[in-house]
Each structure stands twice: as C-alpha cells, then as structure tokens.
C-alpha cells in the first residue's frame, strides 16, 4: 500500500490469546484480536477499533490508512474464522 510492502496473516488456535489477524511491515503493526465478546482492532498495542454486533460493522477511532485497510481486508476475506474458537467452526 503506497509502495510499502506488508504481510497479512491469520493465526488460529485453541487459546484465545493466540488467535489474531495481523498486518505487518516496515513500521506497521495492526492486529485484530478477540476480546471478551467482540473483535477489536489494535495498532501499536493501542485499541483503535471495535466490531459492533448491532450495526454489523467496525467503529474506528483515529485509524490510520493501514488500520482501515486491515478492517476492510478482514471483512472481504472472511477472516472472522481465525479469531473464533475452533470448536465453533466444527459445529
């Protein structure tokens, strides 16, 4: 994006702390992780976005271009399964 190479990856595991969708690159650290009842968007270890179940979309606060791109890619690729418990996927 804008000439900056990045990598999008998803991690799924039984432990909630190990599940995430991550965008990494030179100076880029954006993650979507599961917290309590809703996914959150983290940038540089600061929460900047929250998935709103009622409005079925993201509420982003002061998000960078990479954070917005991460939320869009998360939705477009259907990556929600990476942060859900693997047990739900088996039902």
C-alpha atoms as a PDB file:
ATOM      1  CA  UNK A   1       0.000   0.000   0.000  1.00  0.00           C
ATOM      2  CA  UNK A   2       1.502   3.321  -1.102  1.00  0.00           C
ATOM      3  CA  UNK A   3       4.681   1.429  -2.015  1.00  0.00           C
ATOM      4  CA  UNK A   4       5.105  -0.074   1.470  1.00  0.00           C
ATOM      5  CA  UNK A   5       5.246  -3.883   1.436  1.00  0.00           C
ATOM      6  CA  UNK A   6       3.167  -5.644   4.067  1.00  0.00           C
ATOM      7  CA  UNK A   7       2.075  -9.139   5.021  1.00  0.00           C
ATOM      8  CA  UNK A   8      -1.435 -10.171   6.065  1.00  0.00           C
ATOM      9  CA  UNK A   9      -1.631 -13.368   8.111  1.00  0.00           C
ATOM     10  CA  UNK A  10      -4.167 -15.163  10.262  1.00  0.00           C
ATOM     11  CA  UNK A  11      -3.463 -17.299  13.313  1.00  0.00           C
ATOM     12  CA  UNK A  12      -5.979 -19.749  14.748  1.00  0.00           C
ATOM     13  CA  UNK A  13      -5.535 -21.682  18.000  1.00  0.00           C
ATOM     14  CA  UNK A  14      -7.444 -23.083  20.949  1.00  0.00           C
ATOM     15  CA  UNK A  15      -6.108 -20.386  23.274  1.00  0.00           C
ATOM     16  CA  UNK A  16      -7.825 -17.020  22.633  1.00  0.00           C
ATOM     17  CA  UNK A  17      -4.579 -15.114  23.198  1.00  0.00           C
ATOM     18  CA  UNK A  18      -3.023 -16.902  20.199  1.00  0.00           C
ATOM     19  CA  UNK A  19      -5.815 -16.090  17.693  1.00  0.00           C
ATOM     20  CA  UNK A  20      -5.331 -12.988  15.531  1.00  0.00           C
ATOM     21  CA  UNK A  21      -5.339 -11.440  12.082  1.00  0.00           C
ATOM     22  CA  UNK A  22      -2.114  -9.455  11.653  1.00  0.00           C
ATOM     23  CA  UNK A  23      -0.778  -6.910   9.148  1.00  0.00           C
ATOM     24  CA  UNK A  24       2.984  -6.463   9.495  1.00  0.00           C
ATOM     25  CA  UNK A  25       5.559  -4.470   7.589  1.00  0.00           C
ATOM     26  CA  UNK A  26       8.119  -1.698   7.938  1.00  0.00           C
ATOM     27  CA  UNK A  27       6.674   0.368  10.798  1.00  0.00           C
ATOM     28  CA  UNK A  28       3.293  -1.384  10.518  1.00  0.00           C
ATOM     29  CA  UNK A  29       1.767  -3.362  13.387  1.00  0.00           C
ATOM     30  CA  UNK A  30      -2.008  -3.741  13.085  1.00  0.00           C
ATOM     31  CA  UNK A  31      -3.896  -6.651  14.662  1.00  0.00           C
ATOM     32  CA  UNK A  32      -7.450  -7.842  15.029  1.00  0.00           C
ATOM     33  CA  UNK A  33      -7.906  -9.942  18.152  1.00  0.00           C
ATOM     34  CA  UNK A  34     -10.841 -11.283  20.137  1.00  0.00           C
ATOM     35  CA  UNK A  35     -11.573  -9.503  23.420  1.00  0.00           C
ATOM     36  CA  UNK A  36     -14.448 -10.524  25.684  1.00  0.00           C
ATOM     37  CA  UNK A  37     -17.424 -10.580  23.314  1.00  0.00           C
ATOM     38  CA  UNK A  38     -16.188  -8.653  20.291  1.00  0.00           C
ATOM     39  CA  UNK A  39     -13.195  -8.392  17.945  1.00  0.00           C
ATOM     40  CA  UNK A  40     -11.030  -5.303  18.418  1.00  0.00           C
ATOM     41  CA  UNK A  41      -8.569  -3.566  16.106  1.00  0.00           C
ATOM     42  CA  UNK A  42      -5.194  -2.803  17.672  1.00  0.00           C
ATOM     43  CA  UNK A  43      -2.467  -0.567  16.265  1.00  0.00           C
ATOM     44  CA  UNK A  44       0.884  -0.343  18.038  1.00  0.00           C
ATOM     45  CA  UNK A  45      -0.726  -2.088  21.071  1.00  0.00           C
ATOM     46  CA  UNK A  46      -3.467   0.562  21.345  1.00  0.00           C
ATOM     47  CA  UNK A  47      -7.130  -0.250  20.743  1.00  0.00           C
ATOM     48  CA  UNK A  48      -8.462   1.928  17.921  1.00  0.00           C
ATOM     49  CA  UNK A  49     -11.468  -0.012  16.687  1.00  0.00           C
ATOM     50  CA  UNK A  50     -14.301  -2.233  17.830  1.00  0.00           C
ATOM     51  CA  UNK A  51     -16.591  -4.571  15.896  1.00  0.00           C
ATOM     52  CA  UNK A  52     -20.167  -3.565  16.654  1.00  0.00           C
ATOM     53  CA  UNK A  53     -22.553  -6.536  16.511  1.00  0.00           C
ATOM     54  CA  UNK A  54     -25.700  -4.394  16.389  1.00  0.00           C
ATOM     55  CA  UNK A  55     -24.565  -2.331  13.429  1.00  0.00           C
ATOM     56  CA  UNK A  56     -22.602  -5.237  11.897  1.00  0.00           C
ATOM     57  CA  UNK A  57     -19.569  -3.136  11.188  1.00  0.00           C
ATOM     58  CA  UNK A  58     -16.461  -1.513  12.565  1.00  0.00           C
ATOM     59  CA  UNK A  59     -16.325   1.590  14.715  1.00  0.00           C
ATOM     60  CA  UNK A  60     -12.858   3.054  14.135  1.00  0.00           C
ATOM     61  CA  UNK A  61     -11.353   5.880  16.184  1.00  0.00           C
ATOM     62  CA  UNK A  62      -8.442   7.845  14.682  1.00  0.00           C
ATOM     63  CA  UNK A  63      -7.465   4.936  12.459  1.00  0.00           C
ATOM     64  CA  UNK A  64      -4.508   5.046  10.101  1.00  0.00           C
ATOM     65  CA  UNK A  65      -4.790   4.001   6.458  1.00  0.00           C
ATOM     66  CA  UNK A  66      -3.309   0.594   7.324  1.00  0.00           C
ATOM     67  CA  UNK A  67      -5.864   0.080  10.112  1.00  0.00           C
ATOM     68  CA  UNK A  68      -8.734   0.870   7.756  1.00  0.00           C
ATOM     69  CA  UNK A  69      -7.215  -1.423   5.111  1.00  0.00           C
ATOM     70  CA  UNK A  70      -6.900  -4.204   7.706  1.00  0.00           C
ATOM     71  CA  UNK A  71     -10.562  -3.886   8.688  1.00  0.00           C
ATOM     72  CA  UNK A  72     -11.576  -3.947   5.007  1.00  0.00           C
ATOM     73  CA  UNK A  73      -9.423  -6.989   4.231  1.00  0.00           C
ATOM     74  CA  UNK A  74     -10.731  -8.713   7.359  1.00  0.00           C
ATOM     75  CA  UNK A  75     -14.293  -8.315   6.107  1.00  0.00           C
ATOM     76  CA  UNK A  76     -13.549  -9.023   2.448  1.00  0.00           C
ATOM     77  CA  UNK A  77     -11.594 -12.229   3.087  1.00  0.00           C
ATOM     78  CA  UNK A  78     -13.989 -13.567   5.741  1.00  0.00           C
ATOM     79  CA  UNK A  79     -11.155 -13.853   8.254  1.00  0.00           C
ATOM     80  CA  UNK A  80     -13.516 -13.873  11.259  1.00  0.00           C
ATOM     81  CA  UNK A  81     -12.961 -17.638  11.492  1.00  0.00           C
ATOM     82  CA  UNK A  82      -9.330 -17.046  12.536  1.00  0.00           C
ATOM     83  CA  UNK A  83     -10.351 -15.323  15.765  1.00  0.00           C
ATOM     84  CA  UNK A  84     -13.332 -17.517  16.609  1.00  0.00           C
ATOM     85  CA  UNK A  85     -12.791 -20.605  18.702  1.00  0.00           C
ATOM     86  CA  UNK A  86     -12.007 -23.634  16.525  1.00  0.00           C
ATOM     87  CA  UNK A  87     -14.805 -25.520  18.280  1.00  0.00           C
ATOM     88  CA  UNK A  88     -17.445 -23.226  16.723  1.00  0.00           C
ATOM     89  CA  UNK A  89     -16.100 -23.984  13.230  1.00  0.00           C
ATOM     90  CA  UNK A  90     -16.699 -27.711  13.831  1.00  0.00           C
ATOM     91  CA  UNK A  91     -20.402 -27.271  14.639  1.00  0.00           C
END
